[in-house]
Amino acid sequence: MGAPRGYDRYVTDSTLVFRGQGRAGRRLVVNFGVYSGREATEAEIYRLAQSLLDELGSVEIVAERRYEVDSDVEATVHQVYVEVPQTAVGREERLISLVEDWAADAIGERRNIVP
C-alpha cells in the first residue's frame, strides 16, 4: 500500500488544482472528489480534454479512485490528473486556469440539479 512516488501517503493539500510529479514529468492534479463528493463522469473528462486541446494538441488524462486503509482510518479519494507534456512547460498557469474552470463547472453543474 502507499501512494505513487512523488505524493504523500495522505492527502494534505486541499487545493482544487495543484502541480504534481507524474511518471513522465509534471502533472496537474485535481482534488475532484474532495470538492464534489463524487467521481468525475466520462462526459466531464471528455469536456476537460476538449478544453485543453487548443493549448496542448493532444492530452493524457487519468481519473483515479484510491483507497487508503489502516487500522484507524478508511478513505477513498478521487483525483483527476492531467499529464503536462514537455512542450507545455512554461504554460502551466494557463493550463491550471483552464482545469480550474472545468472543475468549477463540473462540480457546480450537479449542485444545480433538483430531483
N, C-alpha and C. Protein backbone atom coordinates (compact mmCIF):
# COMPACT_ATOMS: atom_id res chain seq x y z
N MET A 1 0.85 -1.17 0.00
CA MET A 1 0.00 0.00 0.00
C MET A 1 0.89 1.23 0.00
N GLY A 2 0.36 2.34 -0.34
CA GLY A 2 1.11 3.57 -0.35
C GLY A 2 0.81 4.35 -1.61
N ALA A 3 1.25 5.57 -1.62
CA ALA A 3 0.98 6.44 -2.74
C ALA A 3 2.06 6.30 -3.80
N PRO A 4 1.74 6.65 -5.04
CA PRO A 4 2.77 6.65 -6.07
C PRO A 4 3.90 7.59 -5.67
N ARG A 5 5.09 7.26 -6.12
CA ARG A 5 6.23 8.09 -5.78
C ARG A 5 5.95 9.55 -6.16
N GLY A 6 6.28 10.45 -5.30
CA GLY A 6 6.06 11.87 -5.54
C GLY A 6 4.87 12.44 -4.80
N TYR A 7 4.05 11.56 -4.18
CA TYR A 7 2.90 12.02 -3.42
C TYR A 7 3.01 11.55 -1.99
N ASP A 8 2.57 12.38 -1.07
CA ASP A 8 2.47 11.94 0.31
C ASP A 8 1.38 10.88 0.39
N ARG A 9 1.50 9.99 1.36
CA ARG A 9 0.51 8.93 1.51
C ARG A 9 -0.87 9.50 1.80
N TYR A 10 -0.95 10.50 2.63
CA TYR A 10 -2.23 11.08 2.98
C TYR A 10 -2.40 12.40 2.25
N VAL A 11 -3.60 12.64 1.75
CA VAL A 11 -3.89 13.88 1.05
C VAL A 11 -3.87 15.01 2.05
N THR A 12 -2.93 15.91 1.89
CA THR A 12 -2.82 17.03 2.81
C THR A 12 -3.05 18.36 2.11
N ASP A 13 -3.12 18.35 0.79
CA ASP A 13 -3.32 19.58 0.03
C ASP A 13 -4.78 19.62 -0.40
N SER A 14 -5.54 20.54 0.16
CA SER A 14 -6.96 20.63 -0.17
C SER A 14 -7.23 21.63 -1.30
N THR A 15 -6.18 22.06 -1.97
CA THR A 15 -6.32 22.94 -3.12
C THR A 15 -7.04 22.19 -4.23
N LEU A 16 -7.91 22.85 -4.96
CA LEU A 16 -8.66 22.19 -6.02
C LEU A 16 -7.72 21.65 -7.09
N VAL A 17 -6.79 22.48 -7.58
CA VAL A 17 -5.84 22.05 -8.61
C VAL A 17 -4.45 22.43 -8.15
N PHE A 18 -3.52 21.48 -8.23
CA PHE A 18 -2.14 21.77 -7.87
C PHE A 18 -1.18 21.00 -8.76
N ARG A 19 0.07 21.43 -8.78
CA ARG A 19 1.11 20.76 -9.56
C ARG A 19 1.61 19.53 -8.82
N GLY A 20 1.91 18.48 -9.57
CA GLY A 20 2.50 17.27 -9.01
C GLY A 20 3.49 16.69 -9.98
N GLN A 21 4.08 15.60 -9.59
CA GLN A 21 5.02 14.89 -10.47
C GLN A 21 4.36 13.63 -10.96
N GLY A 22 4.38 13.43 -12.26
CA GLY A 22 3.83 12.22 -12.87
C GLY A 22 4.94 11.31 -13.31
N ARG A 23 4.57 10.22 -13.95
CA ARG A 23 5.58 9.25 -14.39
C ARG A 23 6.47 9.78 -15.49
N ALA A 24 5.93 10.68 -16.29
CA ALA A 24 6.71 11.22 -17.41
C ALA A 24 7.10 12.69 -17.20
N GLY A 25 6.90 13.20 -16.01
CA GLY A 25 7.21 14.62 -15.77
C GLY A 25 6.16 15.25 -14.90
N ARG A 26 5.77 16.44 -15.29
CA ARG A 26 4.82 17.19 -14.49
C ARG A 26 3.39 16.78 -14.79
N ARG A 27 2.55 16.99 -13.79
CA ARG A 27 1.12 16.77 -13.97
C ARG A 27 0.37 17.78 -13.13
N LEU A 28 -0.87 18.03 -13.54
CA LEU A 28 -1.79 18.83 -12.74
C LEU A 28 -2.74 17.86 -12.07
N VAL A 29 -2.94 18.05 -10.79
CA VAL A 29 -3.79 17.15 -10.00
C VAL A 29 -5.04 17.91 -9.59
N VAL A 30 -6.20 17.32 -9.83
CA VAL A 30 -7.48 17.90 -9.44
C VAL A 30 -8.04 17.07 -8.30
N ASN A 31 -8.23 17.69 -7.14
CA ASN A 31 -8.86 17.02 -5.99
C ASN A 31 -10.37 17.00 -6.21
N PHE A 32 -10.80 16.31 -7.24
CA PHE A 32 -12.19 16.37 -7.66
C PHE A 32 -13.14 15.86 -6.60
N GLY A 33 -12.86 14.71 -6.05
CA GLY A 33 -13.78 14.10 -5.07
C GLY A 33 -13.90 14.88 -3.79
N VAL A 34 -12.82 15.54 -3.38
CA VAL A 34 -12.84 16.33 -2.15
C VAL A 34 -13.88 17.46 -2.26
N TYR A 35 -13.96 18.05 -3.44
CA TYR A 35 -14.86 19.19 -3.62
C TYR A 35 -16.26 18.79 -4.11
N SER A 36 -16.35 17.65 -4.82
CA SER A 36 -17.63 17.28 -5.42
C SER A 36 -18.35 16.19 -4.64
N GLY A 37 -17.61 15.38 -3.89
CA GLY A 37 -18.21 14.25 -3.20
C GLY A 37 -18.53 13.10 -4.13
N ARG A 38 -17.95 13.09 -5.32
CA ARG A 38 -18.22 12.05 -6.31
C ARG A 38 -17.05 11.96 -7.28
N GLU A 39 -17.13 10.99 -8.19
CA GLU A 39 -16.14 10.87 -9.25
C GLU A 39 -16.54 11.74 -10.43
N ALA A 40 -15.58 12.13 -11.23
CA ALA A 40 -15.88 12.83 -12.48
C ALA A 40 -16.47 11.82 -13.46
N THR A 41 -17.48 12.23 -14.20
CA THR A 41 -18.09 11.35 -15.18
C THR A 41 -17.22 11.28 -16.43
N GLU A 42 -17.47 10.28 -17.25
CA GLU A 42 -16.74 10.15 -18.51
C GLU A 42 -16.96 11.38 -19.39
N ALA A 43 -18.20 11.86 -19.43
CA ALA A 43 -18.51 13.05 -20.23
C ALA A 43 -17.74 14.27 -19.72
N GLU A 44 -17.61 14.40 -18.40
CA GLU A 44 -16.85 15.53 -17.84
C GLU A 44 -15.37 15.42 -18.20
N ILE A 45 -14.83 14.21 -18.19
CA ILE A 45 -13.43 14.01 -18.57
C ILE A 45 -13.23 14.40 -20.03
N TYR A 46 -14.15 14.01 -20.90
CA TYR A 46 -14.04 14.39 -22.30
C TYR A 46 -14.15 15.90 -22.49
N ARG A 47 -15.00 16.55 -21.70
CA ARG A 47 -15.07 18.02 -21.78
C ARG A 47 -13.76 18.66 -21.35
N LEU A 48 -13.12 18.11 -20.32
CA LEU A 48 -11.81 18.62 -19.91
C LEU A 48 -10.81 18.46 -21.05
N ALA A 49 -10.80 17.29 -21.67
CA ALA A 49 -9.88 17.06 -22.79
C ALA A 49 -10.12 18.08 -23.91
N GLN A 50 -11.37 18.31 -24.26
CA GLN A 50 -11.69 19.26 -25.32
C GLN A 50 -11.22 20.67 -24.96
N SER A 51 -11.34 21.04 -23.69
CA SER A 51 -10.93 22.39 -23.28
C SER A 51 -9.42 22.57 -23.33
N LEU A 52 -8.67 21.47 -23.28
CA LEU A 52 -7.21 21.55 -23.29
C LEU A 52 -6.58 21.35 -24.66
N LEU A 53 -7.34 20.86 -25.62
CA LEU A 53 -6.77 20.54 -26.93
C LEU A 53 -6.15 21.73 -27.65
N ASP A 54 -6.77 22.91 -27.55
CA ASP A 54 -6.19 24.08 -28.21
C ASP A 54 -4.82 24.42 -27.66
N GLU A 55 -4.63 24.22 -26.37
CA GLU A 55 -3.34 24.53 -25.72
C GLU A 55 -2.30 23.43 -25.93
N LEU A 56 -2.73 22.17 -25.94
CA LEU A 56 -1.78 21.06 -25.92
C LEU A 56 -1.69 20.26 -27.22
N GLY A 57 -2.70 20.30 -28.04
CA GLY A 57 -2.69 19.50 -29.26
C GLY A 57 -3.14 18.07 -29.01
N SER A 58 -2.66 17.44 -27.96
CA SER A 58 -3.14 16.14 -27.50
C SER A 58 -3.00 16.15 -25.98
N VAL A 59 -3.78 15.32 -25.33
CA VAL A 59 -3.80 15.37 -23.87
C VAL A 59 -3.98 13.96 -23.30
N GLU A 60 -3.31 13.71 -22.17
CA GLU A 60 -3.49 12.47 -21.43
C GLU A 60 -4.08 12.82 -20.07
N ILE A 61 -5.23 12.21 -19.77
CA ILE A 61 -5.93 12.46 -18.52
C ILE A 61 -6.15 11.12 -17.83
N VAL A 62 -5.91 11.10 -16.53
CA VAL A 62 -6.13 9.90 -15.72
C VAL A 62 -7.13 10.25 -14.63
N ALA A 63 -8.19 9.45 -14.52
CA ALA A 63 -9.14 9.59 -13.41
C ALA A 63 -8.90 8.38 -12.51
N GLU A 64 -8.64 8.66 -11.23
CA GLU A 64 -8.22 7.60 -10.32
C GLU A 64 -9.06 7.59 -9.05
N ARG A 65 -9.41 6.40 -8.60
CA ARG A 65 -10.04 6.21 -7.30
C ARG A 65 -9.05 5.43 -6.46
N ARG A 66 -8.60 6.03 -5.36
CA ARG A 66 -7.63 5.40 -4.47
C ARG A 66 -8.27 5.10 -3.14
N TYR A 67 -7.91 3.94 -2.61
CA TYR A 67 -8.38 3.54 -1.29
C TYR A 67 -7.18 3.52 -0.37
N GLU A 68 -7.29 4.20 0.73
CA GLU A 68 -6.24 4.18 1.75
C GLU A 68 -6.87 3.69 3.04
N VAL A 69 -6.34 2.57 3.54
CA VAL A 69 -6.94 1.92 4.70
C VAL A 69 -5.84 1.55 5.68
N ASP A 70 -6.07 1.86 6.95
CA ASP A 70 -5.22 1.32 8.02
C ASP A 70 -6.14 0.95 9.17
N SER A 71 -5.59 0.63 10.30
CA SER A 71 -6.43 0.15 11.40
C SER A 71 -7.35 1.22 11.98
N ASP A 72 -7.06 2.49 11.73
CA ASP A 72 -7.86 3.58 12.29
C ASP A 72 -8.72 4.33 11.28
N VAL A 73 -8.33 4.30 10.01
CA VAL A 73 -8.97 5.18 9.03
C VAL A 73 -9.17 4.44 7.71
N GLU A 74 -10.29 4.73 7.08
CA GLU A 74 -10.53 4.29 5.72
C GLU A 74 -10.89 5.52 4.91
N ALA A 75 -10.28 5.66 3.75
CA ALA A 75 -10.56 6.82 2.91
C ALA A 75 -10.56 6.42 1.44
N THR A 76 -11.45 7.02 0.70
CA THR A 76 -11.48 6.87 -0.74
C THR A 76 -11.29 8.26 -1.32
N VAL A 77 -10.34 8.39 -2.22
CA VAL A 77 -10.02 9.68 -2.81
C VAL A 77 -10.16 9.57 -4.32
N HIS A 78 -10.88 10.51 -4.92
CA HIS A 78 -10.98 10.54 -6.38
C HIS A 78 -10.25 11.78 -6.87
N GLN A 79 -9.24 11.53 -7.70
CA GLN A 79 -8.47 12.63 -8.29
C GLN A 79 -8.43 12.46 -9.80
N VAL A 80 -8.26 13.58 -10.47
CA VAL A 80 -8.08 13.60 -11.92
C VAL A 80 -6.72 14.21 -12.18
N TYR A 81 -5.92 13.55 -13.03
CA TYR A 81 -4.58 14.04 -13.36
C TYR A 81 -4.54 14.44 -14.83
N VAL A 82 -3.91 15.56 -15.11
CA VAL A 82 -3.62 15.96 -16.48
C VAL A 82 -2.10 15.92 -16.62
N GLU A 83 -1.61 15.03 -17.47
CA GLU A 83 -0.18 14.95 -17.71
C GLU A 83 0.24 16.16 -18.55
N VAL A 84 1.27 16.86 -18.10
CA VAL A 84 1.74 18.07 -18.79
C VAL A 84 2.96 17.70 -19.62
N PRO A 85 2.85 17.76 -20.96
CA PRO A 85 3.99 17.39 -21.79
C PRO A 85 5.10 18.44 -21.71
N GLN A 86 6.30 18.02 -22.04
CA GLN A 86 7.46 18.93 -22.02
C GLN A 86 7.20 20.17 -22.87
N THR A 87 6.46 20.03 -23.95
CA THR A 87 6.19 21.16 -24.83
C THR A 87 5.32 22.23 -24.18
N ALA A 88 4.68 21.89 -23.07
CA ALA A 88 3.79 22.85 -22.39
C ALA A 88 4.43 23.49 -21.17
N VAL A 89 5.66 23.13 -20.86
CA VAL A 89 6.34 23.73 -19.71
C VAL A 89 6.43 25.24 -19.96
N GLY A 90 6.09 26.01 -18.94
CA GLY A 90 6.05 27.46 -19.07
C GLY A 90 4.64 27.98 -19.31
N ARG A 91 3.74 27.10 -19.68
CA ARG A 91 2.34 27.49 -19.89
C ARG A 91 1.44 26.88 -18.83
N GLU A 92 2.03 26.44 -17.75
CA GLU A 92 1.27 25.73 -16.72
C GLU A 92 0.22 26.61 -16.05
N GLU A 93 0.49 27.89 -15.86
CA GLU A 93 -0.51 28.77 -15.24
C GLU A 93 -1.77 28.84 -16.09
N ARG A 94 -1.60 28.90 -17.40
CA ARG A 94 -2.75 28.90 -18.32
C ARG A 94 -3.50 27.58 -18.21
N LEU A 95 -2.77 26.47 -18.16
CA LEU A 95 -3.40 25.16 -18.05
C LEU A 95 -4.14 25.02 -16.72
N ILE A 96 -3.53 25.49 -15.64
CA ILE A 96 -4.19 25.45 -14.33
C ILE A 96 -5.50 26.21 -14.38
N SER A 97 -5.48 27.37 -15.01
CA SER A 97 -6.70 28.18 -15.12
C SER A 97 -7.79 27.42 -15.88
N LEU A 98 -7.44 26.78 -16.99
CA LEU A 98 -8.41 26.01 -17.77
C LEU A 98 -8.96 24.83 -16.96
N VAL A 99 -8.08 24.14 -16.24
CA VAL A 99 -8.50 22.99 -15.45
C VAL A 99 -9.38 23.44 -14.27
N GLU A 100 -9.03 24.54 -13.62
CA GLU A 100 -9.85 25.06 -12.53
C GLU A 100 -11.25 25.44 -13.03
N ASP A 101 -11.31 26.08 -14.20
CA ASP A 101 -12.61 26.45 -14.78
C ASP A 101 -13.45 25.21 -15.05
N TRP A 102 -12.80 24.17 -15.64
CA TRP A 102 -13.52 22.91 -15.90
C TRP A 102 -14.04 22.31 -14.59
N ALA A 103 -13.19 22.23 -13.58
CA ALA A 103 -13.57 21.62 -12.31
C ALA A 103 -14.73 22.38 -11.66
N ALA A 104 -14.64 23.70 -11.66
CA ALA A 104 -15.71 24.50 -11.06
C ALA A 104 -17.03 24.28 -11.79
N ASP A 105 -16.98 24.21 -13.12
CA ASP A 105 -18.20 23.96 -13.90
C ASP A 105 -18.77 22.57 -13.61
N ALA A 106 -17.90 21.56 -13.62
CA ALA A 106 -18.35 20.18 -13.41
C ALA A 106 -18.93 19.99 -12.01
N ILE A 107 -18.28 20.56 -11.02
CA ILE A 107 -18.74 20.43 -9.64
C ILE A 107 -20.04 21.20 -9.44
N GLY A 108 -20.10 22.41 -9.97
CA GLY A 108 -21.28 23.26 -9.83
C GLY A 108 -22.48 22.75 -10.60
N GLU A 109 -22.23 22.08 -11.70
CA GLU A 109 -23.31 21.58 -12.56
C GLU A 109 -24.26 20.65 -11.81
N ARG A 110 -23.72 19.74 -11.04
CA ARG A 110 -24.55 18.78 -10.32
C ARG A 110 -25.23 19.38 -9.11
N ARG A 111 -24.68 20.45 -8.60
CA ARG A 111 -25.31 21.09 -7.43
C ARG A 111 -26.61 21.78 -7.78
N ASN A 112 -26.78 22.06 -9.08
CA ASN A 112 -27.97 22.77 -9.52
C ASN A 112 -29.10 21.84 -9.97
N ILE A 113 -28.84 20.54 -9.92
CA ILE A 113 -29.86 19.57 -10.33
C ILE A 113 -30.84 19.36 -9.19
N VAL A 114 -32.12 19.51 -9.50
CA VAL A 114 -33.17 19.32 -8.50
C VAL A 114 -33.99 18.10 -8.91
N PRO A 115 -34.14 17.12 -7.99
CA PRO A 115 -34.92 15.91 -8.34
C PRO A 115 -36.38 16.20 -8.56
